[in-house]
Amino acid sequence: MDILAIILVIYGALCILISILRPPFIMNSKKIQLFEKYLGKLGTTLLILGIGIACLVIGIIIYP
């Protein structure tokens, strides 16, 4: 469980950074553009931020 917790914390931190900084090499990918088509820019940012916060909290909780 230690490895899973560390991976979740790192993934959560990366998702939070991506949602805040919005780097163009990630935001121009087809998957993110599809999210923006259906959710809008704010919705996509909030979705990535929510996933990041959830992973970060779960990783912190399961770390012994």
N, C-alpha and C. Protein backbone atom coordinates (compact mmCIF):
# COMPACT_ATOMS: atom_id res chain seq x y z
N MET A 1 0.82 -1.20 0.00
CA MET A 1 0.00 0.00 0.00
C MET A 1 0.86 1.26 0.00
N ASP A 2 2.10 1.11 0.46
CA ASP A 2 2.98 2.28 0.49
C ASP A 2 3.22 2.83 -0.91
N ILE A 3 3.47 1.92 -1.85
CA ILE A 3 3.77 2.35 -3.22
C ILE A 3 2.54 3.00 -3.84
N LEU A 4 1.37 2.42 -3.63
CA LEU A 4 0.13 2.99 -4.16
C LEU A 4 -0.12 4.38 -3.59
N ALA A 5 0.11 4.55 -2.31
CA ALA A 5 -0.09 5.86 -1.68
C ALA A 5 0.86 6.90 -2.26
N ILE A 6 2.12 6.52 -2.46
CA ILE A 6 3.09 7.46 -3.04
C ILE A 6 2.72 7.82 -4.47
N ILE A 7 2.30 6.83 -5.25
CA ILE A 7 1.89 7.09 -6.63
C ILE A 7 0.67 8.01 -6.67
N LEU A 8 -0.30 7.78 -5.79
CA LEU A 8 -1.50 8.64 -5.75
C LEU A 8 -1.16 10.07 -5.35
N VAL A 9 -0.25 10.24 -4.40
CA VAL A 9 0.14 11.60 -3.99
C VAL A 9 0.85 12.31 -5.13
N ILE A 10 1.76 11.62 -5.82
CA ILE A 10 2.47 12.24 -6.94
C ILE A 10 1.50 12.57 -8.07
N TYR A 11 0.60 11.63 -8.40
CA TYR A 11 -0.37 11.86 -9.46
C TYR A 11 -1.31 13.02 -9.11
N GLY A 12 -1.75 13.06 -7.87
CA GLY A 12 -2.61 14.15 -7.44
C GLY A 12 -1.93 15.50 -7.53
N ALA A 13 -0.67 15.54 -7.11
CA ALA A 13 0.08 16.80 -7.19
C ALA A 13 0.27 17.24 -8.64
N LEU A 14 0.55 16.28 -9.53
CA LEU A 14 0.70 16.62 -10.95
C LEU A 14 -0.61 17.12 -11.55
N CYS A 15 -1.72 16.50 -11.19
CA CYS A 15 -3.03 16.95 -11.70
C CYS A 15 -3.34 18.37 -11.23
N ILE A 16 -3.03 18.66 -9.97
CA ILE A 16 -3.27 20.01 -9.45
C ILE A 16 -2.40 21.03 -10.19
N LEU A 17 -1.13 20.69 -10.41
CA LEU A 17 -0.25 21.61 -11.14
C LEU A 17 -0.71 21.82 -12.57
N ILE A 18 -1.14 20.75 -13.23
CA ILE A 18 -1.62 20.86 -14.61
C ILE A 18 -2.87 21.72 -14.68
N SER A 19 -3.77 21.58 -13.72
CA SER A 19 -5.00 22.38 -13.76
C SER A 19 -4.72 23.85 -13.47
N ILE A 20 -3.70 24.14 -12.67
CA ILE A 20 -3.39 25.53 -12.36
C ILE A 20 -2.57 26.18 -13.47
N LEU A 21 -1.53 25.48 -13.95
CA LEU A 21 -0.62 26.08 -14.92
C LEU A 21 -1.11 25.98 -16.36
N ARG A 22 -1.92 24.96 -16.67
CA ARG A 22 -2.45 24.72 -18.01
C ARG A 22 -1.36 24.77 -19.08
N PRO A 23 -0.36 23.87 -19.01
CA PRO A 23 0.71 23.88 -20.02
C PRO A 23 0.17 23.51 -21.39
N PRO A 24 0.61 24.25 -22.43
CA PRO A 24 0.03 24.04 -23.76
C PRO A 24 0.29 22.65 -24.35
N PHE A 25 1.42 22.03 -24.03
CA PHE A 25 1.70 20.71 -24.61
C PHE A 25 0.77 19.64 -24.06
N ILE A 26 0.15 19.88 -22.92
CA ILE A 26 -0.84 18.94 -22.38
C ILE A 26 -2.25 19.37 -22.80
N MET A 27 -2.52 20.66 -22.75
CA MET A 27 -3.86 21.14 -23.06
C MET A 27 -4.21 21.04 -24.54
N ASN A 28 -3.22 20.88 -25.40
CA ASN A 28 -3.49 20.73 -26.83
C ASN A 28 -3.65 19.28 -27.26
N SER A 29 -3.61 18.34 -26.31
CA SER A 29 -3.81 16.94 -26.67
C SER A 29 -5.28 16.70 -27.02
N LYS A 30 -5.52 15.67 -27.80
CA LYS A 30 -6.87 15.40 -28.29
C LYS A 30 -7.84 15.06 -27.15
N LYS A 31 -7.36 14.35 -26.13
CA LYS A 31 -8.24 13.95 -25.04
C LYS A 31 -8.71 15.18 -24.25
N ILE A 32 -7.81 16.10 -23.98
CA ILE A 32 -8.18 17.31 -23.24
C ILE A 32 -9.08 18.20 -24.10
N GLN A 33 -8.82 18.26 -25.40
CA GLN A 33 -9.67 19.06 -26.28
C GLN A 33 -11.09 18.47 -26.35
N LEU A 34 -11.20 17.16 -26.26
CA LEU A 34 -12.52 16.54 -26.23
C LEU A 34 -13.26 16.90 -24.95
N PHE A 35 -12.54 16.90 -23.81
CA PHE A 35 -13.14 17.34 -22.55
C PHE A 35 -13.59 18.79 -22.66
N GLU A 36 -12.76 19.66 -23.26
CA GLU A 36 -13.12 21.07 -23.39
C GLU A 36 -14.33 21.26 -24.30
N LYS A 37 -14.49 20.39 -25.27
CA LYS A 37 -15.64 20.49 -26.16
C LYS A 37 -16.95 20.25 -25.41
N TYR A 38 -16.95 19.28 -24.50
CA TYR A 38 -18.16 18.93 -23.78
C TYR A 38 -18.33 19.68 -22.46
N LEU A 39 -17.23 19.98 -21.77
CA LEU A 39 -17.32 20.60 -20.45
C LEU A 39 -16.97 22.08 -20.45
N GLY A 40 -16.31 22.56 -21.47
CA GLY A 40 -15.82 23.93 -21.48
C GLY A 40 -14.46 24.00 -20.78
N LYS A 41 -13.81 25.15 -20.88
CA LYS A 41 -12.47 25.27 -20.29
C LYS A 41 -12.53 25.23 -18.77
N LEU A 42 -13.50 25.92 -18.19
CA LEU A 42 -13.61 25.93 -16.73
C LEU A 42 -13.98 24.54 -16.20
N GLY A 43 -14.88 23.86 -16.87
CA GLY A 43 -15.28 22.52 -16.45
C GLY A 43 -14.13 21.54 -16.53
N THR A 44 -13.33 21.63 -17.58
CA THR A 44 -12.17 20.75 -17.72
C THR A 44 -11.16 21.02 -16.62
N THR A 45 -10.93 22.29 -16.33
CA THR A 45 -9.99 22.65 -15.27
C THR A 45 -10.48 22.15 -13.93
N LEU A 46 -11.76 22.32 -13.66
CA LEU A 46 -12.32 21.84 -12.38
C LEU A 46 -12.31 20.32 -12.28
N LEU A 47 -12.53 19.63 -13.41
CA LEU A 47 -12.48 18.17 -13.41
C LEU A 47 -11.08 17.67 -13.07
N ILE A 48 -10.07 18.24 -13.72
CA ILE A 48 -8.69 17.83 -13.45
C ILE A 48 -8.30 18.20 -12.02
N LEU A 49 -8.72 19.35 -11.56
CA LEU A 49 -8.43 19.77 -10.19
C LEU A 49 -9.11 18.84 -9.18
N GLY A 50 -10.35 18.47 -9.44
CA GLY A 50 -11.07 17.57 -8.54
C GLY A 50 -10.44 16.18 -8.48
N ILE A 51 -10.02 15.67 -9.63
CA ILE A 51 -9.35 14.37 -9.65
C ILE A 51 -8.03 14.45 -8.89
N GLY A 52 -7.31 15.56 -9.07
CA GLY A 52 -6.04 15.73 -8.36
C GLY A 52 -6.22 15.80 -6.86
N ILE A 53 -7.20 16.56 -6.41
CA ILE A 53 -7.44 16.67 -4.97
C ILE A 53 -7.89 15.33 -4.40
N ALA A 54 -8.76 14.61 -5.12
CA ALA A 54 -9.23 13.31 -4.64
C ALA A 54 -8.07 12.32 -4.52
N CYS A 55 -7.21 12.26 -5.53
CA CYS A 55 -6.07 11.34 -5.48
C CYS A 55 -5.11 11.72 -4.35
N LEU A 56 -4.90 13.01 -4.17
CA LEU A 56 -4.00 13.46 -3.12
C LEU A 56 -4.54 13.09 -1.74
N VAL A 57 -5.82 13.31 -1.52
CA VAL A 57 -6.42 12.99 -0.23
C VAL A 57 -6.42 11.47 0.02
N ILE A 58 -6.78 10.68 -0.99
CA ILE A 58 -6.79 9.23 -0.83
C ILE A 58 -5.37 8.71 -0.57
N GLY A 59 -4.38 9.27 -1.27
CA GLY A 59 -3.00 8.85 -1.05
C GLY A 59 -2.52 9.17 0.35
N ILE A 60 -2.93 10.31 0.88
CA ILE A 60 -2.53 10.69 2.24
C ILE A 60 -3.24 9.82 3.26
N ILE A 61 -4.51 9.49 3.01
CA ILE A 61 -5.26 8.68 3.96
C ILE A 61 -4.71 7.26 4.05
N ILE A 62 -4.39 6.63 2.91
CA ILE A 62 -3.97 5.23 2.97
C ILE A 62 -2.49 5.06 3.31
N TYR A 63 -1.74 6.15 3.35
CA TYR A 63 -0.33 6.03 3.75
C TYR A 63 -0.26 5.77 5.24
N PRO A 64 0.43 4.71 5.65
CA PRO A 64 0.43 4.35 7.08
C PRO A 64 1.19 5.32 7.95
